[in-house]
C-alpha atoms as a PDB file:
ATOM      1  CA  MET A   1       3.631-115.798   3.478  1.00  0.00           C
ATOM      2  CA  ARG A   2       6.489-114.227   5.292  1.00  0.00           C
ATOM      3  CA  GLU A   3       8.871-115.054   2.683  1.00  0.00           C
ATOM      4  CA  ASN A   4       7.256-114.182  -0.249  1.00  0.00           C
ATOM      5  CA  CYS A   5       6.056-110.859   1.408  1.00  0.00           C
ATOM      6  CA  ALA A   6       8.275-108.895  -0.800  1.00  0.00           C
ATOM      7  CA  ASN A   7       7.277-110.669  -4.120  1.00  0.00           C
ATOM      8  CA  GLU A   8       4.052-108.063  -5.141  1.00  0.00           C
ATOM      9  CA  ASP A   9       3.333-110.876  -7.659  1.00  0.00           C
ATOM     10  CA  ARG A  10       2.108-113.016  -5.322  1.00  0.00           C
ATOM     11  CA  GLY A  11      -0.415-110.165  -3.792  1.00  0.00           C
ATOM     12  CA  MET A  12       1.369-109.596  -0.557  1.00  0.00           C
ATOM     13  CA  LYS A  13       3.227-106.239   0.130  1.00  0.00           C
ATOM     14  CA  TYR A  14       4.002-106.271   3.905  1.00  0.00           C
ATOM     15  CA  ILE A  15       4.700-108.954   6.435  1.00  0.00           C
ATOM     16  CA  PRO A  16       1.292-110.524   8.037  1.00  0.00           C
ATOM     17  CA  LEU A  17       0.415-109.211  11.508  1.00  0.00           C
ATOM     18  CA  PHE A  18      -0.621-112.380  12.716  1.00  0.00           C
ATOM     19  CA  SER A  19       0.172-115.884  11.935  1.00  0.00           C
ATOM     20  CA  ILE A  20      -3.438-116.821  10.791  1.00  0.00           C
ATOM     21  CA  ASP A  21      -3.402-120.382   9.043  1.00  0.00           C
ATOM     22  CA  PRO A  22      -5.206-119.745   5.554  1.00  0.00           C
ATOM     23  CA  ARG A  23      -7.135-122.839   5.810  1.00  0.00           C
ATOM     24  CA  CYS A  24      -8.961-121.229   8.693  1.00  0.00           C
ATOM     25  CA  VAL A  25     -10.143-118.392   6.664  1.00  0.00           C
ATOM     26  CA  ILE A  26     -13.236-118.245   4.611  1.00  0.00           C
ATOM     27  CA  PRO A  27     -13.894-115.374   2.099  1.00  0.00           C
ATOM     28  CA  ASP A  28     -16.947-113.440   2.603  1.00  0.00           C
ATOM     29  CA  LEU A  29     -18.917-113.748  -0.633  1.00  0.00           C
ATOM     30  CA  LEU A  30     -21.191-110.454  -0.180  1.00  0.00           C
ATOM     31  CA  HIS A  31     -18.022-108.146   0.460  1.00  0.00           C
ATOM     32  CA  MET A  32     -16.090-109.907  -2.661  1.00  0.00           C
ATOM     33  CA  LYS A  33     -18.711-109.715  -4.892  1.00  0.00           C
ATOM     34  CA  ILE A  34     -18.878-106.008  -3.845  1.00  0.00           C
ATOM     35  CA  ARG A  35     -15.381-105.268  -4.380  1.00  0.00           C
ATOM     36  CA  ILE A  36     -14.971-106.735  -7.593  1.00  0.00           C
ATOM     37  CA  VAL A  37     -17.957-105.170  -8.725  1.00  0.00           C
ATOM     38  CA  ASN A  38     -16.653-101.916  -7.873  1.00  0.00           C
ATOM     39  CA  ARG A  39     -13.289-103.022  -9.900  1.00  0.00           C
ATOM     40  CA  LEU A  40     -15.296-103.576 -13.019  1.00  0.00           C
ATOM     41  CA  ILE A  41     -16.933-100.442 -12.664  1.00  0.00           C
ATOM     42  CA  ASP A  42     -14.031 -98.679 -12.086  1.00  0.00           C
ATOM     43  CA  GLY A  43     -12.523-100.414 -15.383  1.00  0.00           C
ATOM     44  CA  LEU A  44     -15.798 -99.488 -17.575  1.00  0.00           C
ATOM     45  CA  LEU A  45     -15.141 -95.994 -16.338  1.00  0.00           C
ATOM     46  CA  ALA A  46     -11.360 -95.668 -17.001  1.00  0.00           C
ATOM     47  CA  GLU A  47     -12.086 -97.096 -20.690  1.00  0.00           C
ATOM     48  CA  SER A  48     -14.866 -94.719 -21.269  1.00  0.00           C
ATOM     49  CA  GLU A  49     -12.677 -91.738 -19.903  1.00  0.00           C
ATOM     50  CA  ASP A  50      -9.838 -92.692 -22.321  1.00  0.00           C
ATOM     51  CA  ARG A  51     -11.995 -93.019 -25.313  1.00  0.00           C
ATOM     52  CA  ASP A  52     -13.530 -89.606 -24.814  1.00  0.00           C
ATOM     53  CA  LYS A  53      -9.826 -88.050 -24.781  1.00  0.00           C
ATOM     54  CA  ARG A  54      -8.988 -90.004 -27.634  1.00  0.00           C
ATOM     55  CA  GLU A  55     -11.428 -88.485 -29.788  1.00  0.00           C
ATOM     56  CA  LYS A  56     -10.992 -85.107 -28.136  1.00  0.00           C
ATOM     57  CA  VAL A  57      -7.640 -85.009 -29.597  1.00  0.00           C
ATOM     58  CA  GLN A  58      -9.129 -85.922 -33.240  1.00  0.00           C
ATOM     59  CA  ASN A  59     -11.857 -83.335 -32.898  1.00  0.00           C
ATOM     60  CA  LEU A  60     -12.072 -80.671 -30.252  1.00  0.00           C
ATOM     61  CA  ASN A  61     -15.681 -80.403 -30.626  1.00  0.00           C
ATOM     62  CA  ALA A  62     -16.321 -84.079 -29.834  1.00  0.00           C
ATOM     63  CA  PRO A  63     -18.853 -84.632 -27.151  1.00  0.00           C
ATOM     64  CA  SER A  64     -17.730 -86.486 -23.881  1.00  0.00           C
ATOM     65  CA  SER A  65     -20.506 -89.029 -24.585  1.00  0.00           C
ATOM     66  CA  HIS A  66     -19.107 -92.641 -23.750  1.00  0.00           C
ATOM     67  CA  LEU A  67     -18.595 -91.908 -19.821  1.00  0.00           C
ATOM     68  CA  LYS A  68     -22.093 -90.542 -19.849  1.00  0.00           C
ATOM     69  CA  ASN A  69     -23.663 -93.777 -21.423  1.00  0.00           C
ATOM     70  CA  ILE A  70     -21.935 -95.816 -18.901  1.00  0.00           C
ATOM     71  CA  VAL A  71     -23.353 -93.967 -16.179  1.00  0.00           C
ATOM     72  CA  ALA A  72     -26.860 -93.965 -17.959  1.00  0.00           C
ATOM     73  CA  ALA A  73     -26.663 -97.783 -18.700  1.00  0.00           C
ATOM     74  CA  ILE A  74     -26.056 -98.172 -14.720  1.00  0.00           C
ATOM     75  CA  ASN A  75     -28.991 -95.897 -13.869  1.00  0.00           C
ATOM     76  CA  SER A  76     -31.456 -97.489 -16.025  1.00  0.00           C
ATOM     77  CA  CYS A  77     -30.849-100.400 -14.042  1.00  0.00           C
ATOM     78  CA  GLY A  78     -32.291 -99.248 -11.433  1.00  0.00           C
ATOM     79  CA  VAL A  79     -29.459 -98.176  -9.707  1.00  0.00           C
ATOM     80  CA  LYS A  80     -28.161 -94.648  -8.542  1.00  0.00           C
ATOM     81  CA  PHE A  81     -25.172 -94.100  -9.580  1.00  0.00           C
ATOM     82  CA  GLU A  82     -22.888 -90.775 -10.160  1.00  0.00           C
ATOM     83  CA  VAL A  83     -19.755 -89.905 -11.023  1.00  0.00           C
ATOM     84  CA  TRP A  84     -17.644 -86.930  -9.896  1.00  0.00           C
ATOM     85  CA  GLU A  85     -14.127 -85.385  -9.654  1.00  0.00           C
ATOM     86  CA  GLU A  86     -12.398 -85.179  -6.349  1.00  0.00           C
ATOM     87  CA  GLU A  87      -9.371 -82.810  -5.465  1.00  0.00           C
ATOM     88  CA  LYS A  88      -7.315 -85.230  -3.787  1.00  0.00           C
ATOM     89  CA  ASN A  89      -8.569 -88.720  -4.849  1.00  0.00           C
ATOM     90  CA  GLY A  90      -9.665 -87.894  -8.420  1.00  0.00           C
ATOM     91  CA  ARG A  91     -12.581 -89.566 -10.006  1.00  0.00           C
ATOM     92  CA  THR A  92     -14.593 -91.192  -7.784  1.00  0.00           C
ATOM     93  CA  PHE A  93     -18.204 -92.949  -7.854  1.00  0.00           C
ATOM     94  CA  THR A  94     -21.173 -93.512  -6.107  1.00  0.00           C
ATOM     95  CA  SER A  95     -20.472 -96.421  -3.423  1.00  0.00           C
ATOM     96  CA  LEU A  96     -22.943 -99.524  -4.232  1.00  0.00           C
ATOM     97  CA  ALA A  97     -24.730-101.779  -1.536  1.00  0.00           C
ATOM     98  CA  GLY A  98     -24.817-105.623  -1.857  1.00  0.00           C
ATOM     99  CA  GLY A  99     -28.487-105.268  -3.632  1.00  0.00           C
ATOM    100  CA  ASP A 100     -26.884-102.753  -6.419  1.00  0.00           C
ATOM    101  CA  CYS A 101     -24.602-105.256  -7.206  1.00  0.00           C
ATOM    102  CA  ARG A 102     -26.586-108.181  -7.140  1.00  0.00           C
ATOM    103  CA  THR A 103     -29.056-105.838  -9.853  1.00  0.00           C
ATOM    104  CA  LEU A 104     -25.791-104.874 -11.675  1.00  0.00           C
ATOM    105  CA  LEU A 105     -24.997-108.396 -12.095  1.00  0.00           C
ATOM    106  CA  GLN A 106     -28.185-109.426 -13.712  1.00  0.00           C
ATOM    107  CA  LEU A 107     -29.098-106.592 -15.950  1.00  0.00           C
ATOM    108  CA  LEU A 108     -25.943-104.627 -16.857  1.00  0.00           C
ATOM    109  CA  HIS A 109     -24.672-107.204 -19.379  1.00  0.00           C
ATOM    110  CA  ASP A 110     -27.612-106.464 -21.783  1.00  0.00           C
ATOM    111  CA  ARG A 111     -27.540-102.406 -21.339  1.00  0.00           C
ATOM    112  CA  LEU A 112     -23.828-102.641 -22.020  1.00  0.00           C
ATOM    113  CA  LYS A 113     -23.849-103.939 -25.638  1.00  0.00           C
ATOM    114  CA  GLU A 114     -22.867-101.511 -28.348  1.00  0.00           C
ATOM    115  CA  LYS A 115     -21.389 -99.050 -25.635  1.00  0.00           C
ATOM    116  CA  LEU A 116     -18.031-100.427 -25.133  1.00  0.00           C
ATOM    117  CA  ASP A 117     -14.509-100.424 -27.192  1.00  0.00           C
ATOM    118  CA  THR A 118     -15.602-102.959 -30.636  1.00  0.00           C
ATOM    119  CA  ARG A 119     -12.579-104.648 -29.919  1.00  0.00           C
ATOM    120  CA  THR A 120     -12.820-105.538 -26.514  1.00  0.00           C
ATOM    121  CA  GLU A 121     -16.579-105.489 -25.903  1.00  0.00           C
ATOM    122  CA  ASN A 122     -16.848-109.283 -25.871  1.00  0.00           C
ATOM    123  CA  MET A 123     -14.173-109.977 -23.041  1.00  0.00           C
ATOM    124  CA  THR A 124     -15.523-106.971 -21.226  1.00  0.00           C
ATOM    125  CA  LEU A 125     -19.358-108.570 -21.235  1.00  0.00           C
ATOM    126  CA  LEU A 126     -18.034-112.014 -20.476  1.00  0.00           C
ATOM    127  CA  LEU A 127     -16.310-110.518 -17.561  1.00  0.00           C
ATOM    128  CA  TRP A 128     -19.692-109.426 -16.111  1.00  0.00           C
ATOM    129  CA  THR A 129     -21.279-112.840 -17.203  1.00  0.00           C
ATOM    130  CA  LEU A 130     -18.720-114.945 -15.671  1.00  0.00           C
ATOM    131  CA  LEU A 131     -19.089-113.067 -12.304  1.00  0.00           C
ATOM    132  CA  HIS A 132     -22.524-113.205 -12.225  1.00  0.00           C
ATOM    133  CA  GLU A 133     -22.693-116.959 -12.660  1.00  0.00           C
ATOM    134  CA  ILE A 134     -19.959-117.532 -10.247  1.00  0.00           C
ATOM    135  CA  CYS A 135     -21.913-115.499  -7.462  1.00  0.00           C
ATOM    136  CA  GLU A 136     -24.864-117.528  -8.622  1.00  0.00           C
ATOM    137  CA  HIS A 137     -23.628-120.638  -8.044  1.00  0.00           C
ATOM    138  CA  PHE A 138     -21.561-119.706  -4.817  1.00  0.00           C
ATOM    139  CA  GLU A 139     -25.094-118.620  -3.299  1.00  0.00           C
ATOM    140  CA  ASN A 140     -27.053-121.573  -4.545  1.00  0.00           C
ATOM    141  CA  ASP A 141     -25.227-124.614  -5.003  1.00  0.00           C
ATOM    142  CA  VAL A 142     -25.405-126.924  -1.781  1.00  0.00           C
ATOM    143  CA  ASP A 143     -23.461-129.980  -3.046  1.00  0.00           C
ATOM    144  CA  GLY A 144     -19.683-128.136  -3.042  1.00  0.00           C
ATOM    145  CA  ASN A 145     -19.558-128.668  -6.996  1.00  0.00           C
ATOM    146  CA  SER A 146     -16.605-127.173  -8.699  1.00  0.00           C
ATOM    147  CA  VAL A 147     -16.507-123.793 -10.621  1.00  0.00           C
ATOM    148  CA  GLN A 148     -12.567-123.548 -10.897  1.00  0.00           C
ATOM    149  CA  THR A 149     -12.797-123.115 -14.758  1.00  0.00           C
ATOM    150  CA  LYS A 150     -15.100-120.064 -14.492  1.00  0.00           C
ATOM    151  CA  THR A 151     -12.860-118.357 -11.926  1.00  0.00           C
ATOM    152  CA  SER A 152      -9.587-118.913 -13.423  1.00  0.00           C
ATOM    153  CA  LEU A 153     -11.710-117.779 -16.796  1.00  0.00           C
ATOM    154  CA  PHE A 154     -12.452-114.510 -15.298  1.00  0.00           C
ATOM    155  CA  LEU A 155      -8.973-113.797 -14.026  1.00  0.00           C
ATOM    156  CA  ASP A 156      -7.187-114.696 -17.550  1.00  0.00           C
ATOM    157  CA  THR A 157      -9.890-112.506 -19.080  1.00  0.00           C
ATOM    158  CA  PHE A 158      -9.271-109.713 -16.784  1.00  0.00           C
ATOM    159  CA  VAL A 159      -5.412-109.781 -17.518  1.00  0.00           C
ATOM    160  CA  LYS A 160      -5.761-110.068 -21.017  1.00  0.00           C
ATOM    161  CA  LEU A 161      -8.024-107.222 -21.241  1.00  0.00           C
ATOM    162  CA  GLY A 162      -4.776-105.067 -19.920  1.00  0.00           C
ATOM    163  CA  SER A 163      -2.716-106.025 -23.255  1.00  0.00           C
ATOM    164  CA  PHE A 164      -5.444-104.167 -25.364  1.00  0.00           C
ATOM    165  CA  GLY A 165      -4.516-101.026 -23.959  1.00  0.00           C
ATOM    166  CA  CYS A 166      -7.430-100.894 -21.391  1.00  0.00           C
ATOM    167  CA  LYS A 167      -6.329 -98.998 -18.531  1.00  0.00           C
ATOM    168  CA  GLY A 168      -8.500-100.392 -16.087  1.00  0.00           C
ATOM    169  CA  TYR A 169      -7.347-103.863 -16.326  1.00  0.00           C
ATOM    170  CA  GLY A 170      -4.215-106.079 -16.387  1.00  0.00           C
ATOM    171  CA  ARG A 171      -2.210-107.603 -14.230  1.00  0.00           C
ATOM    172  CA  GLU A 172      -1.307-104.878 -12.085  1.00  0.00           C
ATOM    173  CA  ARG A 173      -5.066-103.872 -11.401  1.00  0.00           C
ATOM    174  CA  VAL A 174      -5.534-107.461  -9.787  1.00  0.00           C
ATOM    175  CA  THR A 175      -6.897-107.149  -6.384  1.00  0.00           C
ATOM    176  CA  PRO A 176      -6.781-109.526  -3.306  1.00  0.00           C
ATOM    177  CA  TYR A 177     -10.216-110.022  -3.894  1.00  0.00           C
ATOM    178  CA  ILE A 178      -9.868-110.965  -7.426  1.00  0.00           C
ATOM    179  CA  HIS A 179      -6.812-113.045  -6.519  1.00  0.00           C
ATOM    180  CA  ILE A 180      -9.265-115.193  -4.004  1.00  0.00           C
ATOM    181  CA  LEU A 181     -12.141-115.425  -6.304  1.00  0.00           C
ATOM    182  CA  ALA A 182      -9.816-117.032  -8.907  1.00  0.00           C
ATOM    183  CA  HIS A 183      -7.413-119.381  -6.401  1.00  0.00           C
ATOM    184  CA  HIS A 184      -9.020-119.736  -3.517  1.00  0.00           C
ATOM    185  CA  ALA A 185     -12.931-119.234  -3.707  1.00  0.00           C
ATOM    186  CA  SER A 186     -13.755-122.615  -5.370  1.00  0.00           C
ATOM    187  CA  THR A 187     -11.810-124.494  -3.380  1.00  0.00           C
ATOM    188  CA  LYS A 188     -13.580-123.231  -0.043  1.00  0.00           C
ATOM    189  CA  HIS A 189     -16.790-123.902  -1.660  1.00  0.00           C
ATOM    190  CA  GLU A 190     -16.217-127.530  -2.074  1.00  0.00           C
ATOM    191  CA  LYS A 191     -14.833-127.737   1.194  1.00  0.00           C
ATOM    192  CA  PHE A 192     -17.646-126.607   2.908  1.00  0.00           C
ATOM    193  CA  GLN A 193     -20.295-127.292   0.404  1.00  0.00           C
ATOM    194  CA  CYS A 194     -21.809-123.628   0.130  1.00  0.00           C
ATOM    195  CA  LEU A 195     -19.930-120.167   0.269  1.00  0.00           C
ATOM    196  CA  GLY A 196     -23.101-118.462   0.328  1.00  0.00           C
ATOM    197  CA  TRP A 197     -23.784-119.846   3.923  1.00  0.00           C
ATOM    198  CA  PHE A 198     -20.707-117.513   5.099  1.00  0.00           C
ATOM    199  CA  SER A 199     -22.053-114.337   3.755  1.00  0.00           C
ATOM    200  CA  SER A 200     -22.482-111.111   5.808  1.00  0.00           C
ATOM    201  CA  GLN A 201     -25.953-109.855   4.281  1.00  0.00           C
ATOM    202  CA  GLY A 202     -27.590-109.618   7.606  1.00  0.00           C
ATOM    203  CA  ILE A 203     -25.166-106.992   8.657  1.00  0.00           C
ATOM    204  CA  GLU A 204     -25.057-105.624   5.212  1.00  0.00           C
ATOM    205  CA  LYS A 205     -28.704-105.101   5.351  1.00  0.00           C
ATOM    206  CA  LYS A 206     -28.432-103.134   8.736  1.00  0.00           C
ATOM    207  CA  ASN A 207     -25.619-101.134   7.629  1.00  0.00           C
ATOM    208  CA  ASP A 208     -27.874 -99.938   4.596  1.00  0.00           C
ATOM    209  CA  ILE A 209     -30.395 -99.009   7.155  1.00  0.00           C
ATOM    210  CA  LEU A 210     -28.288 -97.020   9.179  1.00  0.00           C
ATOM    211  CA  LYS A 211     -27.068 -95.358   6.058  1.00  0.00           C
ATOM    212  CA  HIS A 212     -30.667 -94.376   4.871  1.00  0.00           C
ATOM    213  CA  LEU A 213     -31.587 -93.241   8.457  1.00  0.00           C
ATOM    214  CA  HIS A 214     -28.019 -91.216   8.577  1.00  0.00           C
ATOM    215  CA  HIS A 215     -28.755 -89.275   5.078  1.00  0.00           C
ATOM    216  CA  SER A 216     -32.614 -88.931   5.634  1.00  0.00           C
ATOM    217  CA  ARG A 217     -34.000 -88.553   9.015  1.00  0.00           C
ATOM    218  CA  SER A 218     -31.074 -88.743  11.567  1.00  0.00           C
ATOM    219  CA  ASN A 219     -30.069 -86.055  13.803  1.00  0.00           C
ATOM    220  CA  LYS A 220     -26.811 -84.398  12.303  1.00  0.00           C
ATOM    221  CA  TRP A 221     -25.423 -83.124  15.767  1.00  0.00           C
ATOM    222  CA  ASN A 222     -25.443 -86.923  17.372  1.00  0.00           C
ATOM    223  CA  SER A 223     -26.558 -88.847  13.854  1.00  0.00           C
ATOM    224  CA  ALA A 224     -24.973 -92.058  15.220  1.00  0.00           C
ATOM    225  CA  ALA A 225     -26.565 -92.241  18.459  1.00  0.00           C
ATOM    226  CA  ASP A 226     -29.739 -91.109  16.566  1.00  0.00           C
ATOM    227  CA  ALA A 227     -29.403 -93.946  13.793  1.00  0.00           C
ATOM    228  CA  LEU A 228     -28.755 -96.750  16.714  1.00  0.00           C
ATOM    229  CA  LYS A 229     -31.986 -95.848  18.208  1.00  0.00           C
ATOM    230  CA  LEU A 230     -34.069 -96.017  15.382  1.00  0.00           C
ATOM    231  CA  ALA A 231     -32.764 -99.053  13.968  1.00  0.00           C
ATOM    232  CA  LYS A 232     -33.928-100.395  17.526  1.00  0.00           C
ATOM    233  CA  ARG A 233     -37.184 -99.058  17.033  1.00  0.00           C
ATOM    234  CA  LEU A 234     -37.382-100.831  13.731  1.00  0.00           C
ATOM    235  CA  GLU A 235     -36.594-104.023  15.351  1.00  0.00           C
ATOM    236  CA  ALA A 236     -39.997-103.737  17.715  1.00  0.00           C
ATOM    237  CA  ASN A 237     -42.269-102.406  14.904  1.00  0.00           C
ATOM    238  CA  GLU A 238     -43.757-105.857  14.570  1.00  0.00           C
ATOM    239  CA  HIS A 239     -44.596-106.075  18.207  1.00  0.00           C
ATOM    240  CA  GLY A 240     -46.641-102.776  17.907  1.00  0.00           C
ATOM    241  CA  ARG A 241     -50.723-102.749  19.004  1.00  0.00           C
ATOM    242  CA  SER A 242     -52.807-104.062  15.743  1.00  0.00           C
ATOM    243  CA  SER A 243     -55.681-101.762  14.779  1.00  0.00           C
ATOM    244  CA  ARG A 244     -58.904-102.220  16.367  1.00  0.00           C
ATOM    245  CA  ALA A 245     -61.462-104.232  14.320  1.00  0.00           C
ATOM    246  CA  TYR A 246     -64.356-101.681  13.246  1.00  0.00           C
ATOM    247  CA  ILE A 247     -67.998-102.819  12.354  1.00  0.00           C
ATOM    248  CA  LYS A 248     -70.041-100.687  10.379  1.00  0.00           C
ATOM    249  CA  CYS A 249     -73.467-100.972  12.119  1.00  0.00           C
ATOM    250  CA  ASP A 250     -75.699 -98.658   9.654  1.00  0.00           C
ATOM    251  CA  VAL A 251     -74.145 -99.198   5.772  1.00  0.00           C
ATOM    252  CA  ASP A 252     -76.564 -96.402   4.398  1.00  0.00           C
ATOM    253  CA  TYR A 253     -76.145 -93.848   7.089  1.00  0.00           C
ATOM    254  CA  TRP A 254     -74.721 -91.315   5.038  1.00  0.00           C
ATOM    255  CA  SER A 255     -76.535 -92.033   1.661  1.00  0.00           C
ATOM    256  CA  ARG A 256     -79.547 -91.052   3.523  1.00  0.00           C
ATOM    257  CA  GLY A 257     -78.466 -87.839   4.298  1.00  0.00           C
ATOM    258  CA  GLY A 258     -76.138 -88.126   7.532  1.00  0.00           C
ATOM    259  CA  ILE A 259     -74.348 -85.126   6.408  1.00  0.00           C
ATOM    260  CA  GLN A 260     -77.363 -82.817   6.694  1.00  0.00           C
ATOM    261  CA  GLU A 261     -78.303 -84.144  10.328  1.00  0.00           C
ATOM    262  CA  ARG A 262     -74.741 -83.122  11.085  1.00  0.00           C
ATOM    263  CA  LEU A 263     -74.530 -79.835   9.876  1.00  0.00           C
ATOM    264  CA  LYS A 264     -78.310 -79.061  11.637  1.00  0.00           C
ATOM    265  CA  ARG A 265     -76.624 -80.180  15.384  1.00  0.00           C
ATOM    266  CA  PRO A 266     -75.483 -77.168  17.634  1.00  0.00           C
ATOM    267  CA  ARG A 267     -72.007 -76.645  17.711  1.00  0.00           C
ATOM    268  CA  CYS A 268     -69.982 -77.679  20.799  1.00  0.00           C
ATOM    269  CA  ALA A 269     -67.652 -75.150  21.098  1.00  0.00           C
ATOM    270  CA  GLU A 270     -68.738 -71.541  21.984  1.00  0.00           C
ATOM    271  CA  GLU A 271     -67.845 -68.610  20.127  1.00  0.00           C
ATOM    272  CA  SER A 272     -65.026 -66.502  21.328  1.00  0.00           C
ATOM    273  CA  THR A 273     -65.940 -63.760  23.520  1.00  0.00           C
ATOM    274  CA  ARG A 274     -62.489 -62.237  24.223  1.00  0.00           C
ATOM    275  CA  GLU A 275     -62.170 -58.535  22.881  1.00  0.00           C
ATOM    276  CA  PRO A 276     -59.374 -57.912  20.099  1.00  0.00           C
ATOM    277  CA  HIS A 277     -55.870 -57.026  21.467  1.00  0.00           C
ATOM    278  CA  PRO A 278     -55.534 -53.288  20.873  1.00  0.00           C
ATOM    279  CA  PRO A 279     -52.988 -52.147  18.248  1.00  0.00           C
ATOM    280  CA  PRO A 280     -49.505 -51.526  19.315  1.00  0.00           C
ATOM    281  CA  ASN A 281     -48.719 -48.106  20.345  1.00  0.00           C
ATOM    282  CA  ALA A 282     -46.548 -46.752  17.392  1.00  0.00           C
ATOM    283  CA  ASP A 283     -45.130 -43.636  19.417  1.00  0.00           C
ATOM    284  CA  GLU A 284     -43.279 -46.178  22.202  1.00  0.00           C
ATOM    285  CA  MET A 285     -41.617 -48.324  19.617  1.00  0.00           C
ATOM    286  CA  ASP A 286     -37.996 -47.914  18.132  1.00  0.00           C
ATOM    287  CA  ALA A 287     -36.817 -48.333  14.607  1.00  0.00           C
ATOM    288  CA  GLY A 288     -36.447 -52.159  14.774  1.00  0.00           C
ATOM    289  CA  GLN A 289     -39.926 -52.981  16.348  1.00  0.00           C
ATOM    290  CA  LEU A 290     -41.511 -50.503  13.853  1.00  0.00           C
ATOM    291  CA  ARG A 291     -40.442 -52.190  11.102  1.00  0.00           C
ATOM    292  CA  THR A 292     -41.375 -55.691  12.379  1.00  0.00           C
ATOM    293  CA  GLU A 293     -45.184 -54.483  13.026  1.00  0.00           C
ATOM    294  CA  LEU A 294     -44.895 -53.156   9.069  1.00  0.00           C
ATOM    295  CA  ARG A 295     -43.616 -56.398   8.055  1.00  0.00           C
ATOM    296  CA  ALA A 296     -46.256 -58.193  10.036  1.00  0.00           C
ATOM    297  CA  ILE A 297     -48.980 -55.995   8.311  1.00  0.00           C
ATOM    298  CA  GLY A 298     -47.251 -56.453   4.884  1.00  0.00           C
ATOM    299  CA  VAL A 299     -45.465 -53.198   4.362  1.00  0.00           C
ATOM    300  CA  ARG A 300     -41.690 -53.383   3.280  1.00  0.00           C
ATOM    301  CA  THR A 301     -39.760 -50.348   3.335  1.00  0.00           C
ATOM    302  CA  ALA A 302     -35.954 -49.143   3.691  1.00  0.00           C
ATOM    303  CA  VAL A 303     -36.848 -46.356   5.397  1.00  0.00           C
ATOM    304  CA  LYS A 304     -34.464 -45.693   8.578  1.00  0.00           C
ATOM    305  CA  GLY A 305     -36.188 -42.519  10.126  1.00  0.00           C
ATOM    306  CA  VAL A 306     -38.292 -43.154  13.401  1.00  0.00           C
ATOM    307  CA  LYS A 307     -40.892 -40.391  12.553  1.00  0.00           C
ATOM    308  CA  LYS A 308     -41.310 -41.679   9.103  1.00  0.00           C
ATOM    309  CA  LEU A 309     -41.724 -45.288  10.125  1.00  0.00           C
ATOM    310  CA  ARG A 310     -44.118 -44.222  12.660  1.00  0.00           C
ATOM    311  CA  ALA A 311     -46.474 -42.630  10.386  1.00  0.00           C
ATOM    312  CA  MET A 312     -46.527 -45.520   7.915  1.00  0.00           C
ATOM    313  CA  LEU A 313     -47.243 -47.669  10.818  1.00  0.00           C
ATOM    314  CA  LYS A 314     -50.447 -45.372  11.908  1.00  0.00           C
ATOM    315  CA  ARG A 315     -51.542 -45.314   8.184  1.00  0.00           C
ATOM    316  CA  GLY A 316     -51.434 -49.024   7.918  1.00  0.00           C
ATOM    317  CA  GLN A 317     -52.975 -49.626  11.261  1.00  0.00           C
ATOM    318  CA  GLN A 318     -55.691 -46.847  10.016  1.00  0.00           C
ATOM    319  CA  LYS A 319     -56.291 -48.878   6.811  1.00  0.00           C
ATOM    320  CA  ARG A 320     -56.643 -52.090   8.616  1.00  0.00           C
ATOM    321  CA  LEU A 321     -59.655 -50.760  10.695  1.00  0.00           C
ATOM    322  CA  LEU A 322     -61.400 -49.492   7.752  1.00  0.00           C
ATOM    323  CA  GLN A 323     -61.053 -52.758   6.227  1.00  0.00           C
END
């Protein structure tokens, strides 16, 4: 790795900080799936944007529908997804969690049909099918069976799409996670019998809970501490007190006139004998206090003179007394 770090074709750009034997490294299936799904979505968005631009060149009145169709297809799977433009980073889309990626791998393949370029539609759909089958194999197979053929086909298809002019694909778009999936994941799966055993799904679930608490119910002044406290309370939910068992003695109580019997009973609460507060003295108030009292009785005015405000408040108090 240190000898080939300058060769970017090998997926290494800088000298490694630590000398860790690759045989001691196990890829995290969850994050590998999330990063590759994000790359595939980025490819879909780049392709749809390119198609919209080409149609705009031919016809200025052409609608930008291809990008909207991709976003609608993802939302139709039950995943909240949006695309927006940032000044520094350019096009950005919603960050997906592990459950969202699983849903897209299961459903998005059928929703993308007839929404892609006809030249590359079959190969693009093949990428989603292969990734879904590979991830299912890594999660469910516990015998260490090889899936090297599918992982190699995934990489070859991803690189081949770049030769068709698809901006989101090609050799230069291959990420370290795609490299690991194609060349190392199957070998690790065979060695340890099941790569799904090394998934950090539990940590990801807790991260999703903290993210939900942060955006919905956390204290914005100290959101990190508040989210950690709430997460700890969620762990103790199962130890809460159970509701007391209630046995209804008289089933027909309400049907026999129980409501009327309750109405005949005397009220426990005594009526208030306090005298009402006297109205405020308008002659002792300034302009701000007068406008506040006028708003309290439903009068809104732009008058600034103290004498006129006092007269308006006195008239309003007299009307309330007459009512």
